[in-house]
């Protein structure tokens, strides 16, 4: 039972941010490019998939080149980098209001 609870908690923490981020991306797309909301949503999910693949590849490289013992501090660095990017993104959102882009027809 403790293993099941651990896996449940791990999944909630690892993937619990996906719906909220998807809503954020769609809201931003509605402001900036209303005709491309579906494209923005698709790119967002594609970015998640690339992140999973890149993280798996990077983790394997760390284990193969440096050893399993180095994964915690490298994971901490990656997490700090993600936090820095998140804070920077929030600062940009507060500083620059999104302006709708004109739609250019290509006939």
Protein backbone atom coordinates (compact mmCIF):
# COMPACT_ATOMS: atom_id res chain seq x y z
CA UNK A 1 0.00 0.00 0.00
CA UNK A 2 2.76 2.55 0.74
CA UNK A 3 4.20 1.92 -2.73
CA UNK A 4 0.84 2.63 -4.36
CA UNK A 5 0.47 5.88 -2.41
CA UNK A 6 4.00 6.90 -3.34
CA UNK A 7 3.36 6.26 -7.03
CA UNK A 8 0.06 8.17 -6.83
CA UNK A 9 1.73 11.15 -5.17
CA UNK A 10 4.63 11.04 -7.63
CA UNK A 11 2.25 11.05 -10.60
CA UNK A 12 0.23 13.93 -9.16
CA UNK A 13 3.35 16.03 -8.63
CA UNK A 14 4.93 15.10 -11.98
CA UNK A 15 1.87 15.60 -14.19
CA UNK A 16 -0.49 17.70 -12.08
CA UNK A 17 0.74 20.90 -13.71
CA UNK A 18 -0.12 19.81 -17.26
CA UNK A 19 -3.82 20.83 -17.28
CA UNK A 20 -3.10 24.22 -15.73
CA UNK A 21 -0.29 24.92 -18.16
CA UNK A 22 -2.47 23.85 -21.09
CA UNK A 23 -5.16 26.31 -19.98
CA UNK A 24 -2.52 29.05 -19.69
CA UNK A 25 -1.20 28.35 -23.19
CA UNK A 26 -4.70 28.41 -24.66
CA UNK A 27 -5.53 31.68 -22.89
CA UNK A 28 -2.32 33.27 -24.16
CA UNK A 29 -3.03 32.02 -27.68
CA UNK A 30 -6.55 33.48 -27.54
CA UNK A 31 -5.03 36.88 -26.72
CA UNK A 32 -2.14 36.83 -29.17
CA UNK A 33 -3.24 34.60 -32.07
CA UNK A 34 -6.94 33.71 -31.82
CA UNK A 35 -6.86 31.78 -35.08
CA UNK A 36 -4.07 29.48 -33.87
CA UNK A 37 -5.34 28.28 -30.49
CA UNK A 38 -5.40 24.64 -31.61
CA UNK A 39 -1.86 24.95 -32.97
CA UNK A 40 -0.62 26.42 -29.68
CA UNK A 41 -2.29 23.61 -27.71
CA UNK A 42 -0.71 21.02 -30.00
CA UNK A 43 2.75 22.56 -29.70
CA UNK A 44 2.39 22.64 -25.93
CA UNK A 45 1.71 18.91 -25.73
CA UNK A 46 4.51 18.26 -28.23
CA UNK A 47 6.84 20.23 -25.94
CA UNK A 48 5.84 18.00 -23.03
CA UNK A 49 6.65 14.93 -25.10
CA UNK A 50 10.02 16.39 -26.10
CA UNK A 51 10.70 17.15 -22.45
CA UNK A 52 9.97 13.57 -21.45
CA UNK A 53 12.19 12.23 -24.22
CA UNK A 54 14.97 14.71 -23.51
CA UNK A 55 14.83 14.05 -19.79
CA UNK A 56 15.03 10.32 -20.36
CA UNK A 57 17.97 10.70 -22.70
CA UNK A 58 19.75 13.17 -20.42
CA UNK A 59 19.19 10.99 -17.36
CA UNK A 60 20.59 7.99 -19.17
CA UNK A 61 23.66 10.02 -20.16
CA UNK A 62 24.24 11.11 -16.56
CA UNK A 63 23.95 7.54 -15.27
CA UNK A 64 26.15 6.14 -18.03
CA UNK A 65 28.85 8.81 -17.90
CA UNK A 66 28.89 9.88 -14.24
CA UNK A 67 27.03 7.18 -12.35
CA UNK A 68 23.75 6.91 -10.50
CA UNK A 69 25.05 8.85 -7.51
CA UNK A 70 25.23 12.07 -9.54
CA UNK A 71 21.57 12.15 -10.54
CA UNK A 72 20.26 14.01 -7.44
CA UNK A 73 22.42 17.09 -7.78
CA UNK A 74 22.03 17.24 -11.55
CA UNK A 75 18.25 16.92 -11.12
CA UNK A 76 18.43 19.78 -8.61
CA UNK A 77 20.25 21.94 -11.17
CA UNK A 78 17.65 21.16 -13.83
CA UNK A 79 14.88 21.99 -11.35
CA UNK A 80 16.52 25.30 -10.44
CA UNK A 81 16.83 26.13 -14.13
CA UNK A 82 13.13 25.38 -14.64
CA UNK A 83 12.25 27.56 -11.65
CA UNK A 84 14.33 30.42 -13.06
CA UNK A 85 12.58 30.15 -16.43
CA UNK A 86 9.18 30.06 -14.73
CA UNK A 87 9.95 33.19 -12.71
CA UNK A 88 11.25 34.95 -15.82
CA UNK A 89 8.11 34.00 -17.75
CA UNK A 90 5.93 35.35 -14.95
CA UNK A 91 7.87 38.60 -14.96
CA UNK A 92 7.39 38.92 -18.72
CA UNK A 93 3.65 38.28 -18.37
CA UNK A 94 3.30 41.08 -15.82
CA UNK A 95 5.45 43.51 -17.78
CA UNK A 96 4.18 43.20 -21.34
CA UNK A 97 0.46 42.94 -22.04
CA UNK A 98 -0.26 40.62 -24.95
CA UNK A 99 -1.36 42.38 -28.10
CA UNK A 100 -3.45 40.57 -30.71
CA UNK A 101 -1.59 40.00 -33.94
CA UNK A 102 -3.29 41.07 -37.19
CA UNK A 103 -4.51 38.18 -39.30
CA UNK A 104 -2.92 38.14 -42.72
CA UNK A 105 -4.95 36.38 -45.37
CA UNK A 106 -3.06 34.44 -47.99
CA UNK A 107 -5.32 34.11 -50.92
